[in-house]
N, C-alpha and C. Protein backbone atom coordinates (compact mmCIF):
# COMPACT_ATOMS: atom_id res chain seq x y z
N MET A 1 139.59 85.88 78.47
CA MET A 1 140.59 84.74 78.69
C MET A 1 141.66 85.38 79.72
N ILE A 2 142.00 84.47 80.80
CA ILE A 2 142.91 84.90 81.76
C ILE A 2 144.13 84.04 81.56
N SER A 3 145.22 84.68 81.55
CA SER A 3 146.38 83.95 81.31
C SER A 3 146.84 83.25 82.56
N ALA A 4 147.40 82.00 82.66
CA ALA A 4 147.67 81.16 83.72
C ALA A 4 148.71 81.96 84.64
N SER A 5 149.65 82.46 83.97
CA SER A 5 150.80 83.21 84.81
C SER A 5 150.17 84.43 85.45
N ALA A 6 149.17 85.11 84.91
CA ALA A 6 148.72 86.31 85.49
C ALA A 6 148.00 86.12 86.71
N VAL A 7 147.33 84.87 86.89
CA VAL A 7 146.66 84.56 88.02
C VAL A 7 147.47 83.69 88.98
N GLY A 8 148.04 82.60 88.38
CA GLY A 8 148.69 81.68 89.26
C GLY A 8 150.24 82.14 89.59
N GLY A 9 150.75 83.13 89.12
CA GLY A 9 152.18 83.56 89.44
C GLY A 9 153.09 83.33 88.36
N THR A 10 154.38 83.96 88.41
CA THR A 10 155.39 83.78 87.31
C THR A 10 156.45 82.72 87.79
N SER A 11 157.01 82.06 86.87
CA SER A 11 157.89 81.08 87.21
C SER A 11 159.28 81.72 87.30
N SER A 12 160.20 81.27 87.88
CA SER A 12 161.41 81.95 88.17
C SER A 12 162.34 82.14 86.92
N ASN A 13 162.03 81.19 85.88
CA ASN A 13 162.80 81.32 84.60
C ASN A 13 162.34 82.37 83.64
N GLN A 14 161.26 83.02 84.12
CA GLN A 14 160.65 84.10 83.06
C GLN A 14 161.38 85.30 83.19
N SER A 15 161.63 85.95 82.07
CA SER A 15 162.44 87.14 82.02
C SER A 15 161.27 88.29 82.34
N ALA A 16 161.99 89.56 82.64
CA ALA A 16 161.05 90.61 82.92
C ALA A 16 160.41 91.08 81.73
N ARG A 17 160.89 90.89 80.59
CA ARG A 17 160.23 91.17 79.19
C ARG A 17 158.93 90.38 79.18
N GLU A 18 159.15 89.11 79.50
CA GLU A 18 157.99 88.27 79.29
C GLU A 18 156.79 88.64 80.26
N GLN A 19 157.26 88.93 81.52
CA GLN A 19 156.20 89.27 82.50
C GLN A 19 155.41 90.57 82.10
N GLU A 20 156.04 91.44 81.45
CA GLU A 20 155.52 92.69 81.00
C GLU A 20 154.44 92.51 79.94
N SER A 21 154.65 91.44 79.13
CA SER A 21 153.89 91.13 77.99
C SER A 21 152.53 90.34 78.36
N MET A 22 152.51 89.87 79.61
CA MET A 22 151.41 89.03 80.04
C MET A 22 150.13 90.00 80.25
N GLU A 23 149.00 89.44 80.00
CA GLU A 23 147.88 90.33 80.07
C GLU A 23 146.58 89.39 80.29
N VAL A 24 145.64 90.11 80.82
CA VAL A 24 144.24 89.40 80.98
C VAL A 24 143.27 90.30 80.23
N ASP A 25 142.14 89.79 79.91
CA ASP A 25 141.12 90.53 79.03
C ASP A 25 140.36 91.41 79.94
N ILE A 26 140.71 91.72 81.33
CA ILE A 26 139.99 92.34 82.22
C ILE A 26 140.67 93.72 82.45
N PRO A 27 140.10 94.92 82.00
CA PRO A 27 140.72 96.03 82.29
C PRO A 27 141.08 96.32 83.81
N SER A 28 142.31 96.85 83.97
CA SER A 28 142.73 97.05 85.35
C SER A 28 141.81 98.31 86.02
N ASP A 29 141.31 99.12 85.22
CA ASP A 29 140.46 100.18 85.70
C ASP A 29 139.02 99.94 85.20
N PHE A 30 138.57 98.59 85.24
CA PHE A 30 137.32 98.09 84.78
C PHE A 30 136.16 98.89 85.19
N ALA A 31 136.07 99.18 86.59
CA ALA A 31 135.02 99.88 87.15
C ALA A 31 134.71 101.26 86.69
N LEU A 32 135.87 101.85 85.96
CA LEU A 32 135.74 103.31 85.53
C LEU A 32 135.41 103.34 84.08
N ALA A 33 135.54 102.28 83.32
CA ALA A 33 135.20 102.25 81.91
C ALA A 33 133.77 101.98 81.62
N GLY A 34 133.40 102.14 80.32
CA GLY A 34 132.02 101.80 79.92
C GLY A 34 131.18 102.96 79.86
N PRO A 35 129.84 102.76 79.87
CA PRO A 35 128.80 103.88 79.59
C PRO A 35 128.80 104.98 80.58
N SER A 36 129.40 104.69 81.79
CA SER A 36 129.36 105.84 82.76
C SER A 36 130.31 106.84 82.36
N SER A 37 131.47 106.51 81.73
CA SER A 37 132.46 107.49 81.33
C SER A 37 132.61 107.52 79.80
N GLY A 38 131.86 106.97 79.09
CA GLY A 38 132.07 106.96 77.54
C GLY A 38 130.98 106.12 76.96
N SER A 39 130.94 106.25 75.65
CA SER A 39 129.88 105.36 74.95
C SER A 39 130.43 103.88 74.94
N THR A 40 129.47 103.02 74.79
CA THR A 40 129.85 101.50 74.69
C THR A 40 130.55 101.24 73.42
N SER A 41 130.68 102.08 72.53
CA SER A 41 131.54 101.75 71.30
C SER A 41 132.97 102.01 71.68
N ASP A 42 133.20 102.57 72.79
CA ASP A 42 134.65 102.85 73.20
C ASP A 42 135.21 101.61 73.91
N TRP A 43 134.29 100.56 74.26
CA TRP A 43 134.83 99.55 75.11
C TRP A 43 135.83 98.74 74.53
N PRO A 44 135.84 98.25 73.14
CA PRO A 44 137.02 97.51 72.55
C PRO A 44 138.32 98.22 72.55
N ALA A 45 138.22 99.44 72.39
CA ALA A 45 139.46 100.35 72.32
C ALA A 45 139.89 100.60 73.73
N ARG A 46 139.11 100.40 74.67
CA ARG A 46 139.45 100.74 76.13
C ARG A 46 139.85 99.46 76.96
N SER A 47 140.61 98.60 76.39
CA SER A 47 140.88 97.34 77.03
C SER A 47 142.24 97.39 77.52
N PRO A 48 142.65 98.06 78.60
CA PRO A 48 144.02 98.16 79.11
C PRO A 48 144.42 96.73 79.66
N ARG A 49 145.74 96.57 79.61
CA ARG A 49 146.36 95.42 80.22
C ARG A 49 146.45 95.40 81.81
N VAL A 50 146.39 94.28 82.28
CA VAL A 50 146.82 94.24 83.76
C VAL A 50 148.32 94.56 84.00
N ASP A 51 148.54 95.36 84.86
CA ASP A 51 149.95 95.90 85.09
C ASP A 51 150.70 94.74 85.78
N GLU A 52 151.66 94.07 85.00
CA GLU A 52 152.31 92.88 85.49
C GLU A 52 153.50 93.39 86.32
N SER A 53 153.82 94.74 86.18
CA SER A 53 154.85 95.33 87.08
C SER A 53 154.39 95.75 88.43
N ASN A 54 153.09 95.54 88.68
CA ASN A 54 152.65 95.84 89.93
C ASN A 54 152.99 94.79 90.98
N ASN A 55 153.96 95.01 91.81
CA ASN A 55 154.37 93.95 92.66
C ASN A 55 153.32 93.50 93.68
N ALA A 56 152.58 94.51 94.13
CA ALA A 56 151.56 94.16 95.11
C ALA A 56 150.51 93.23 94.69
N TRP A 57 150.11 93.46 93.19
CA TRP A 57 149.24 92.48 92.69
C TRP A 57 149.91 91.17 92.42
N LEU A 58 151.07 91.10 91.98
CA LEU A 58 151.88 89.91 91.68
C LEU A 58 152.14 89.08 92.97
N ASN A 59 152.22 89.80 94.09
CA ASN A 59 152.47 88.88 95.28
C ASN A 59 151.26 88.44 95.90
N LYS A 60 150.14 88.64 95.45
CA LYS A 60 148.92 88.13 96.02
C LYS A 60 148.72 86.66 95.69
N PRO A 61 148.16 85.84 96.50
CA PRO A 61 147.87 84.49 96.20
C PRO A 61 146.93 84.30 94.99
N PRO A 62 147.02 83.26 94.21
CA PRO A 62 146.13 83.10 93.07
C PRO A 62 144.76 83.37 93.27
N MET A 63 144.27 82.79 94.47
CA MET A 63 142.70 82.97 94.81
C MET A 63 142.45 84.47 94.90
N GLU A 64 143.18 85.11 95.60
CA GLU A 64 142.98 86.63 95.67
C GLU A 64 142.93 87.42 94.28
N ARG A 65 143.85 86.89 93.41
CA ARG A 65 143.87 87.50 91.95
C ARG A 65 142.49 87.28 91.25
N PHE A 66 142.13 86.00 91.49
CA PHE A 66 140.72 85.60 90.83
C PHE A 66 139.62 86.44 91.44
N ILE A 67 139.71 86.73 92.75
CA ILE A 67 138.59 87.45 93.43
C ILE A 67 138.69 88.89 92.89
N ASP A 68 139.85 89.57 92.86
CA ASP A 68 139.91 90.81 92.31
C ASP A 68 139.46 90.95 90.95
N ILE A 69 139.75 89.99 89.93
CA ILE A 69 139.25 90.08 88.66
C ILE A 69 137.65 90.01 88.53
N LEU A 70 137.13 88.95 89.44
CA LEU A 70 135.72 88.87 89.47
C LEU A 70 135.02 89.93 90.12
N ASP A 71 135.66 90.63 91.16
CA ASP A 71 134.99 91.93 91.70
C ASP A 71 134.89 92.99 90.60
N GLN A 72 135.92 93.08 89.71
CA GLN A 72 135.91 94.02 88.66
C GLN A 72 134.82 93.65 87.78
N LEU A 73 134.69 92.40 87.32
CA LEU A 73 133.55 91.96 86.37
C LEU A 73 132.22 92.18 87.00
N ASP A 74 132.00 92.00 88.30
CA ASP A 74 130.87 92.13 88.92
C ASP A 74 130.29 93.53 89.01
N THR A 75 131.30 94.51 89.16
CA THR A 75 131.10 95.96 89.13
C THR A 75 130.61 96.35 87.72
N LYS A 76 131.21 95.81 86.66
CA LYS A 76 130.89 96.21 85.26
C LYS A 76 129.59 95.67 84.90
N VAL A 77 129.20 94.46 85.43
CA VAL A 77 127.85 93.93 85.14
C VAL A 77 126.69 94.71 85.80
N GLU A 78 126.94 95.11 86.83
CA GLU A 78 126.07 95.96 87.67
C GLU A 78 125.86 97.25 86.93
N SER A 79 126.93 97.84 86.42
CA SER A 79 126.88 99.08 85.75
C SER A 79 126.09 98.85 84.43
N LEU A 80 126.33 97.91 83.76
CA LEU A 80 125.65 97.55 82.44
C LEU A 80 124.05 97.30 82.87
N ARG A 81 123.78 96.63 83.90
CA ARG A 81 122.48 96.49 84.25
C ARG A 81 121.73 97.84 84.52
N LYS A 82 122.45 98.68 85.11
CA LYS A 82 121.69 100.03 85.41
C LYS A 82 121.59 100.87 84.22
N GLU A 83 122.53 100.76 83.23
CA GLU A 83 122.40 101.43 82.04
C GLU A 83 121.21 100.77 81.18
N ALA A 84 121.09 99.63 81.26
CA ALA A 84 119.95 98.88 80.54
C ALA A 84 118.52 99.31 81.12
N LEU A 85 118.56 99.43 82.48
CA LEU A 85 117.34 99.67 83.02
C LEU A 85 116.78 101.22 82.72
N VAL A 86 117.86 102.06 82.52
CA VAL A 86 117.63 103.47 82.14
C VAL A 86 117.02 103.42 80.74
N LEU A 87 117.60 102.67 79.83
CA LEU A 87 117.18 102.51 78.51
C LEU A 87 115.78 102.05 78.40
N ARG A 88 115.64 101.01 79.24
CA ARG A 88 114.13 100.34 79.36
C ARG A 88 113.11 101.40 79.64
N ASP A 89 113.61 102.22 80.66
CA ASP A 89 112.59 103.16 81.10
C ASP A 89 112.33 104.32 79.94
N GLN A 90 113.25 104.68 79.25
CA GLN A 90 113.10 105.55 78.17
C GLN A 90 112.19 104.86 77.08
N LYS A 91 112.41 103.62 76.73
CA LYS A 91 111.45 102.95 75.85
C LYS A 91 110.13 102.84 76.32
N ASP A 92 109.90 102.57 77.71
CA ASP A 92 108.58 102.56 78.23
C ASP A 92 107.82 103.95 78.11
N PHE A 93 108.66 104.99 78.33
CA PHE A 93 108.05 106.35 78.27
C PHE A 93 107.66 106.67 76.97
N LEU A 94 108.37 106.29 75.98
CA LEU A 94 108.11 106.45 74.53
C LEU A 94 106.90 105.82 74.10
N ALA A 95 106.81 104.51 74.61
CA ALA A 95 105.65 103.71 74.20
C ALA A 95 104.33 104.33 74.75
N MET A 96 104.62 104.74 76.17
CA MET A 96 103.34 105.57 76.67
C MET A 96 102.92 106.76 76.07
N SER A 97 103.91 107.53 75.53
CA SER A 97 103.49 108.80 74.86
C SER A 97 102.85 108.31 73.48
N VAL A 98 103.29 107.39 72.83
CA VAL A 98 102.55 106.90 71.58
C VAL A 98 101.11 106.40 71.88
N ASP A 99 100.90 105.62 72.96
CA ASP A 99 99.70 105.24 73.32
C ASP A 99 98.68 106.39 73.76
N LEU A 100 99.34 107.37 74.39
CA LEU A 100 98.43 108.60 74.73
C LEU A 100 98.13 109.30 73.55
N LEU A 101 98.96 109.40 72.51
CA LEU A 101 98.70 110.13 71.39
C LEU A 101 97.59 109.53 70.65
N LYS A 102 97.43 108.09 70.62
CA LYS A 102 96.55 107.45 69.83
C LYS A 102 95.06 107.79 70.39
N ASN A 103 95.07 108.06 71.68
CA ASN A 103 93.73 108.27 72.37
C ASN A 103 93.46 109.80 72.64
N ASN A 104 94.27 110.55 71.93
CA ASN A 104 94.21 112.14 72.16
C ASN A 104 92.66 112.52 71.65
N GLU A 105 92.11 113.22 72.52
CA GLU A 105 90.65 113.69 72.15
C GLU A 105 90.69 114.67 70.87
N TYR A 106 91.86 115.33 70.59
CA TYR A 106 91.82 116.38 69.54
C TYR A 106 91.88 115.68 68.22
N LEU A 107 92.19 114.20 68.12
CA LEU A 107 92.17 113.52 67.01
C LEU A 107 90.69 113.64 66.35
N THR A 108 89.65 113.80 67.15
CA THR A 108 88.22 113.63 66.74
C THR A 108 88.06 114.99 65.94
N GLY A 109 88.82 116.01 66.07
CA GLY A 109 88.60 117.41 65.31
C GLY A 109 89.21 117.21 63.99
N LEU A 110 89.88 116.23 63.64
CA LEU A 110 90.40 116.04 62.44
C LEU A 110 89.56 115.32 61.44
N ASN A 111 89.62 115.70 60.07
CA ASN A 111 88.73 114.83 59.12
C ASN A 111 89.32 113.47 58.96
N GLU A 112 88.62 112.56 58.17
CA GLU A 112 88.95 111.15 58.21
C GLU A 112 90.29 111.02 57.59
N ASN A 113 90.61 111.76 56.52
CA ASN A 113 91.96 111.60 55.73
C ASN A 113 92.94 111.92 56.72
N GLU A 114 92.76 113.03 57.46
CA GLU A 114 93.79 113.50 58.38
C GLU A 114 94.06 112.49 59.56
N ARG A 115 92.98 111.91 60.13
CA ARG A 115 93.19 110.98 61.06
C ARG A 115 93.87 109.69 60.61
N ASP A 116 93.59 109.42 59.45
CA ASP A 116 94.31 108.13 58.90
C ASP A 116 95.71 108.44 58.63
N GLU A 117 96.01 109.67 58.20
CA GLU A 117 97.47 109.93 58.20
C GLU A 117 98.18 109.91 59.52
N ILE A 118 97.62 110.60 60.47
CA ILE A 118 98.13 110.58 61.84
C ILE A 118 98.25 109.15 62.37
N ASN A 119 97.36 108.37 62.18
CA ASN A 119 97.27 107.10 62.67
C ASN A 119 98.45 106.14 62.02
N CYS A 120 98.45 106.41 60.72
CA CYS A 120 99.70 105.67 60.12
C CYS A 120 100.95 106.13 60.52
N TYR A 121 101.12 107.37 60.80
CA TYR A 121 102.46 107.85 61.32
C TYR A 121 102.71 107.32 62.68
N VAL A 122 101.62 107.29 63.51
CA VAL A 122 101.79 106.76 64.89
C VAL A 122 102.09 105.30 64.82
N GLN A 123 101.53 104.53 63.89
CA GLN A 123 101.81 103.10 63.85
C GLN A 123 103.15 102.89 63.34
N ARG A 124 103.71 103.78 62.41
CA ARG A 124 105.08 103.60 61.85
C ARG A 124 106.03 103.69 63.07
N ILE A 125 105.86 104.73 63.80
CA ILE A 125 106.70 104.91 65.02
C ILE A 125 106.57 103.80 66.06
N SER A 126 105.38 103.46 66.27
CA SER A 126 105.17 102.27 67.25
C SER A 126 105.97 101.06 66.72
N ASN A 127 105.83 100.75 65.44
CA ASN A 127 106.45 99.56 64.79
C ASN A 127 107.97 99.77 64.97
N ARG A 128 108.55 100.83 64.72
CA ARG A 128 110.05 101.10 64.86
C ARG A 128 110.40 100.87 66.34
N LEU A 129 109.71 101.47 67.16
CA LEU A 129 109.94 101.23 68.60
C LEU A 129 109.95 99.76 69.08
N GLY A 130 109.07 99.05 68.41
CA GLY A 130 108.96 97.71 68.58
C GLY A 130 110.12 96.85 68.26
N THR A 131 111.15 97.46 67.38
CA THR A 131 112.33 96.79 67.01
C THR A 131 113.29 96.81 67.98
N VAL A 132 113.12 97.67 69.02
CA VAL A 132 114.18 97.75 70.09
C VAL A 132 113.80 96.85 71.20
N GLU A 133 114.57 95.80 71.51
CA GLU A 133 114.34 94.90 72.51
C GLU A 133 115.22 95.08 73.71
N LEU A 134 114.79 95.51 74.89
CA LEU A 134 115.54 95.65 76.08
C LEU A 134 114.93 94.86 77.19
N ASN A 135 115.69 93.87 77.78
CA ASN A 135 115.24 92.86 78.75
C ASN A 135 116.29 92.80 79.79
N VAL A 136 115.77 93.45 80.93
CA VAL A 136 116.47 93.22 82.13
C VAL A 136 115.73 92.38 83.08
N CYS A 137 115.96 91.21 83.33
CA CYS A 137 115.09 90.24 83.92
C CYS A 137 115.08 90.57 85.53
N THR A 138 113.88 90.44 85.92
CA THR A 138 113.65 90.55 87.48
C THR A 138 112.91 89.28 87.86
N VAL A 139 113.59 88.64 88.84
CA VAL A 139 113.08 87.22 89.37
C VAL A 139 111.76 87.54 89.97
N ARG A 140 110.71 86.87 89.62
CA ARG A 140 109.40 86.98 90.15
C ARG A 140 108.80 85.49 90.30
N ASP A 141 107.97 85.38 91.40
CA ASP A 141 107.17 84.20 91.28
C ASP A 141 105.83 84.47 90.72
N GLN A 142 105.01 83.33 90.69
CA GLN A 142 103.71 83.64 89.86
C GLN A 142 102.87 84.66 90.52
N ALA A 143 102.75 84.77 91.84
CA ALA A 143 101.96 85.71 92.32
C ALA A 143 102.48 87.16 92.08
N GLN A 144 103.83 87.25 92.07
CA GLN A 144 104.30 88.63 91.66
C GLN A 144 104.09 88.99 90.29
N GLU A 145 104.07 87.97 89.35
CA GLU A 145 103.79 88.20 87.89
C GLU A 145 102.31 88.63 87.83
N ASP A 146 101.45 87.85 88.58
CA ASP A 146 100.11 88.28 88.49
C ASP A 146 99.79 89.73 88.93
N SER A 147 100.58 90.11 90.02
CA SER A 147 100.39 91.40 90.62
C SER A 147 100.90 92.49 89.66
N LEU A 148 101.98 92.19 88.98
CA LEU A 148 102.44 93.14 88.05
C LEU A 148 101.59 93.40 86.81
N HIS A 149 100.94 92.30 86.33
CA HIS A 149 100.07 92.29 85.34
C HIS A 149 98.75 93.07 85.81
N HIS A 150 98.33 92.94 86.81
CA HIS A 150 97.06 93.76 87.33
C HIS A 150 97.51 95.17 87.44
N VAL A 151 98.65 95.56 88.00
CA VAL A 151 99.15 97.00 88.07
C VAL A 151 99.22 97.60 86.68
N ASN A 152 99.75 96.93 85.68
CA ASN A 152 99.84 97.45 84.30
C ASN A 152 98.58 97.65 83.67
N SER A 153 97.63 96.63 83.98
CA SER A 153 96.26 96.80 83.46
C SER A 153 95.64 98.09 83.96
N LEU A 154 95.79 98.37 85.11
CA LEU A 154 95.10 99.52 85.72
C LEU A 154 95.77 100.83 85.30
N ILE A 155 97.05 100.80 85.09
CA ILE A 155 97.61 102.03 84.46
C ILE A 155 97.22 102.13 82.88
N ASP A 156 97.19 100.98 82.23
CA ASP A 156 96.59 101.11 80.88
C ASP A 156 95.15 101.74 80.77
N MET A 157 94.33 101.52 81.69
CA MET A 157 93.04 102.12 81.78
C MET A 157 93.09 103.53 81.87
N ILE A 158 94.17 104.14 82.60
CA ILE A 158 94.30 105.55 82.73
C ILE A 158 94.65 106.14 81.27
N ILE A 159 95.63 105.37 80.67
CA ILE A 159 96.15 105.87 79.36
C ILE A 159 95.04 105.85 78.39
N SER A 160 94.21 104.93 78.41
CA SER A 160 93.19 104.87 77.35
C SER A 160 91.94 105.71 77.54
N SER A 161 91.87 106.42 78.79
CA SER A 161 90.78 107.09 79.18
C SER A 161 90.66 108.42 78.39
N ALA A 162 89.45 108.85 77.95
CA ALA A 162 89.29 110.05 77.15
C ALA A 162 89.12 111.24 77.99
N ASP A 163 89.06 111.07 79.30
CA ASP A 163 88.93 112.29 80.34
C ASP A 163 90.27 112.50 80.97
N PRO A 164 91.08 113.48 80.56
CA PRO A 164 92.39 113.79 81.12
C PRO A 164 92.18 114.17 82.62
N VAL A 165 91.11 114.93 83.03
CA VAL A 165 90.96 115.25 84.38
C VAL A 165 90.94 114.12 85.33
N MET A 166 89.95 113.24 84.96
CA MET A 166 89.72 111.96 85.80
C MET A 166 91.04 111.21 85.83
N SER A 167 91.51 111.06 84.63
CA SER A 167 92.93 110.29 84.52
C SER A 167 93.93 110.70 85.36
N ARG A 168 94.05 112.23 85.43
CA ARG A 168 95.20 112.75 86.26
C ARG A 168 94.86 112.42 87.76
N GLN A 169 93.56 112.64 88.10
CA GLN A 169 93.34 112.23 89.64
C GLN A 169 93.44 110.92 89.91
N LYS A 170 93.10 109.88 89.04
CA LYS A 170 93.35 108.43 89.26
C LYS A 170 94.81 108.19 89.29
N CYS A 171 95.54 108.89 88.38
CA CYS A 171 97.04 108.70 88.43
C CYS A 171 97.58 109.05 89.70
N GLN A 172 97.16 110.22 90.23
CA GLN A 172 97.71 110.78 91.56
C GLN A 172 97.29 109.71 92.68
N GLN A 173 96.06 109.25 92.58
CA GLN A 173 95.86 108.06 93.68
C GLN A 173 96.72 107.05 93.46
N PHE A 174 97.13 106.55 92.26
CA PHE A 174 98.02 105.43 92.05
C PHE A 174 99.42 105.81 92.58
N LEU A 175 99.81 107.07 92.34
CA LEU A 175 101.08 107.51 92.93
C LEU A 175 101.13 107.60 94.28
N ASN A 176 99.97 108.11 94.93
CA ASN A 176 99.90 108.21 96.32
C ASN A 176 100.14 106.77 97.00
N ALA A 177 99.71 105.68 96.32
CA ALA A 177 99.81 104.35 96.82
C ALA A 177 101.33 103.93 96.73
N CYS A 178 102.08 104.43 95.83
CA CYS A 178 103.53 104.08 95.81
C CYS A 178 104.26 104.68 96.91
N SER A 179 103.87 105.95 97.34
CA SER A 179 104.60 106.57 98.58
C SER A 179 103.66 107.55 99.14
N THR A 180 103.53 107.54 100.26
CA THR A 180 102.63 108.52 101.08
C THR A 180 103.45 109.86 101.18
N THR A 181 104.73 109.88 100.94
CA THR A 181 105.65 111.24 100.98
C THR A 181 105.63 111.82 99.77
N ASP A 182 105.14 111.31 98.69
CA ASP A 182 105.20 112.04 97.42
C ASP A 182 104.50 113.14 97.37
N THR A 183 105.09 114.25 96.73
CA THR A 183 104.43 115.61 96.68
C THR A 183 103.65 115.67 95.20
N SER A 184 102.45 116.12 95.20
CA SER A 184 101.81 116.17 93.89
C SER A 184 102.58 117.19 92.98
N VAL A 185 102.74 116.83 91.76
CA VAL A 185 103.35 117.75 90.72
C VAL A 185 102.51 118.96 90.24
N TYR A 186 101.18 118.89 90.57
CA TYR A 186 100.36 120.04 90.20
C TYR A 186 99.79 120.63 91.55
N SER A 187 99.55 121.91 91.45
CA SER A 187 99.33 122.70 92.69
C SER A 187 97.79 123.09 92.81
N ASP A 188 97.11 122.94 91.67
CA ASP A 188 95.69 123.44 91.71
C ASP A 188 94.71 122.54 92.54
N ILE A 189 95.14 121.36 92.97
CA ILE A 189 94.38 120.38 93.82
C ILE A 189 95.24 120.00 95.02
N ASP A 190 94.72 120.15 96.14
CA ASP A 190 95.43 119.79 97.41
C ASP A 190 95.60 118.16 97.39
N PRO A 191 96.84 117.91 97.38
CA PRO A 191 97.17 116.36 97.46
C PRO A 191 96.47 115.65 98.49
N THR A 192 96.23 116.31 99.63
CA THR A 192 95.77 115.54 100.65
C THR A 192 94.24 115.15 100.57
N THR A 193 93.67 115.86 99.53
CA THR A 193 92.35 115.51 99.20
C THR A 193 92.14 114.26 98.26
N VAL A 194 93.44 113.91 97.70
CA VAL A 194 93.34 112.89 96.75
C VAL A 194 93.70 111.64 97.49
N CYS A 195 92.81 110.69 97.60
CA CYS A 195 93.11 109.50 98.40
C CYS A 195 93.78 108.58 97.62
N THR A 196 94.21 107.41 98.46
CA THR A 196 94.92 106.38 97.79
C THR A 196 94.07 105.38 97.21
N ASP A 197 94.36 104.90 95.97
CA ASP A 197 93.48 103.66 95.46
C ASP A 197 93.88 102.48 96.05
N LYS A 198 92.99 101.92 96.89
CA LYS A 198 93.34 100.64 97.65
C LYS A 198 93.48 99.51 96.64
N LYS A 199 92.66 99.36 95.71
CA LYS A 199 92.72 98.27 94.70
C LYS A 199 94.24 98.28 94.14
N PHE A 200 94.69 99.44 93.57
CA PHE A 200 95.98 99.50 93.07
C PHE A 200 97.13 99.22 94.14
N GLU A 201 96.92 99.86 95.41
CA GLU A 201 97.87 99.68 96.46
C GLU A 201 98.06 98.18 96.72
N SER A 202 96.85 97.42 96.71
CA SER A 202 97.00 95.96 97.10
C SER A 202 97.79 95.11 95.96
N ALA A 203 97.53 95.58 94.79
CA ALA A 203 98.30 94.94 93.72
C ALA A 203 99.78 95.28 93.60
N LEU A 204 100.05 96.52 93.94
CA LEU A 204 101.37 97.04 94.02
C LEU A 204 102.22 96.30 95.07
N LEU A 205 101.62 96.09 96.26
CA LEU A 205 102.41 95.46 97.32
C LEU A 205 102.80 94.01 97.06
N GLY A 206 102.01 93.38 96.09
CA GLY A 206 102.44 92.18 95.65
C GLY A 206 103.60 92.18 94.62
N CYS A 207 103.99 93.19 94.18
CA CYS A 207 105.02 93.28 93.18
C CYS A 207 106.48 93.34 93.80
N THR A 208 107.48 92.99 93.14
CA THR A 208 108.86 93.00 93.66
C THR A 208 109.20 94.51 93.97
N LEU A 209 110.27 94.66 94.80
CA LEU A 209 110.76 96.06 94.95
C LEU A 209 111.35 96.76 93.80
N ASP A 210 111.90 95.99 92.85
CA ASP A 210 112.42 96.58 91.56
C ASP A 210 111.10 97.00 90.73
N ASP A 211 110.24 96.23 90.65
CA ASP A 211 108.92 96.51 89.92
C ASP A 211 108.27 97.76 90.48
N GLN A 212 108.08 97.87 91.88
CA GLN A 212 107.52 98.89 92.49
C GLN A 212 108.26 100.29 92.17
N LYS A 213 109.48 100.30 92.00
CA LYS A 213 110.35 101.42 91.67
C LYS A 213 110.07 101.82 90.31
N THR A 214 110.06 100.94 89.29
CA THR A 214 109.84 101.17 87.95
C THR A 214 108.33 101.73 87.73
N ILE A 215 107.57 101.17 88.53
CA ILE A 215 106.03 101.59 88.36
C ILE A 215 105.84 103.01 88.84
N LYS A 216 106.48 103.36 89.95
CA LYS A 216 106.54 104.68 90.52
C LYS A 216 107.11 105.82 89.47
N LYS A 217 108.21 105.35 88.78
CA LYS A 217 108.76 106.26 87.86
C LYS A 217 107.86 106.54 86.61
N ARG A 218 107.11 105.37 86.21
CA ARG A 218 106.15 105.40 85.13
C ARG A 218 105.10 106.34 85.49
N LEU A 219 104.56 106.23 86.73
CA LEU A 219 103.44 107.03 86.96
C LEU A 219 103.80 108.56 87.20
N GLN A 220 104.91 108.78 87.65
CA GLN A 220 105.41 110.13 87.90
C GLN A 220 105.51 110.84 86.38
N ALA A 221 106.03 110.13 85.45
CA ALA A 221 106.17 110.62 84.07
C ALA A 221 104.74 110.81 83.48
N LEU A 222 103.89 109.82 83.72
CA LEU A 222 102.45 109.92 83.18
C LEU A 222 101.67 111.06 83.92
N LEU A 223 101.91 111.27 85.12
CA LEU A 223 101.25 112.32 85.84
C LEU A 223 101.61 113.68 85.30
N VAL A 224 102.76 113.94 84.98
CA VAL A 224 103.36 115.17 84.54
C VAL A 224 102.78 115.43 83.05
N TYR A 225 102.70 114.31 82.25
CA TYR A 225 102.00 114.38 80.85
C TYR A 225 100.52 114.74 81.05
N LEU A 226 100.03 114.08 81.88
CA LEU A 226 98.42 114.28 82.01
C LEU A 226 98.13 115.76 82.55
N THR A 227 98.99 116.18 83.43
CA THR A 227 98.79 117.62 83.95
C THR A 227 98.98 118.65 82.82
N GLN A 228 100.02 118.29 81.89
CA GLN A 228 100.11 119.26 80.79
C GLN A 228 98.80 119.13 79.91
N GLN A 229 98.34 117.95 79.73
CA GLN A 229 97.29 117.73 78.84
C GLN A 229 96.03 118.57 79.43
N THR A 230 95.89 118.39 80.64
CA THR A 230 94.76 119.29 81.32
C THR A 230 94.62 120.54 81.25
N ILE A 231 95.91 121.23 81.45
CA ILE A 231 96.11 122.63 81.32
C ILE A 231 95.75 123.13 79.89
N VAL A 232 96.22 122.34 78.83
CA VAL A 232 95.92 122.75 77.61
C VAL A 232 94.47 122.69 77.37
N HIS A 233 93.80 121.61 78.00
CA HIS A 233 92.32 121.41 77.66
C HIS A 233 91.52 122.57 78.49
């Protein structure tokens, strides 16, 4: 809530004491508060008042005061969106790790009771992860939705593969499609000998720029994991 006097100006019959008590619910240092400088639980306690003693701000026309406050809100919304994207990436990485574990070849070396115990544990973790809902909307048309679905399907095929070496090579091909300047995270294979997957590249180009960035991060994390798995194997 924004007080009328804070935006529209103070009347001549108001005392200095009344002016000092006026406030808006927008922190004057809004852009500096929040997750980037502290936990979100600090927000309610970090709600400073607009400095009504600031003559430069008081002397601004009402329209400029509204714009200043909206600029602060816009900065805070963008900061919140970035924080949510980071959390969403973390959730996606955890989900990918769970899926990879489900298809780990070493599970075949366990007896039936051991496999059941592991699978139950994995399912319990997966269910708990499913209780976390993070949704940062990216505006897409139907063609972009279809392209994203196709890209995710191709990546899921890598995750479900039982051959870590082939999965790693395919993942590198996908990553090459994201950027020709990417350097391979492993050194035992010359990255120039690993071509770009044209089918994946075609689907990727149909995605939004935000989705392309997210896909690239996902593939980079997946390639690191698959490389470690291949070394162990």
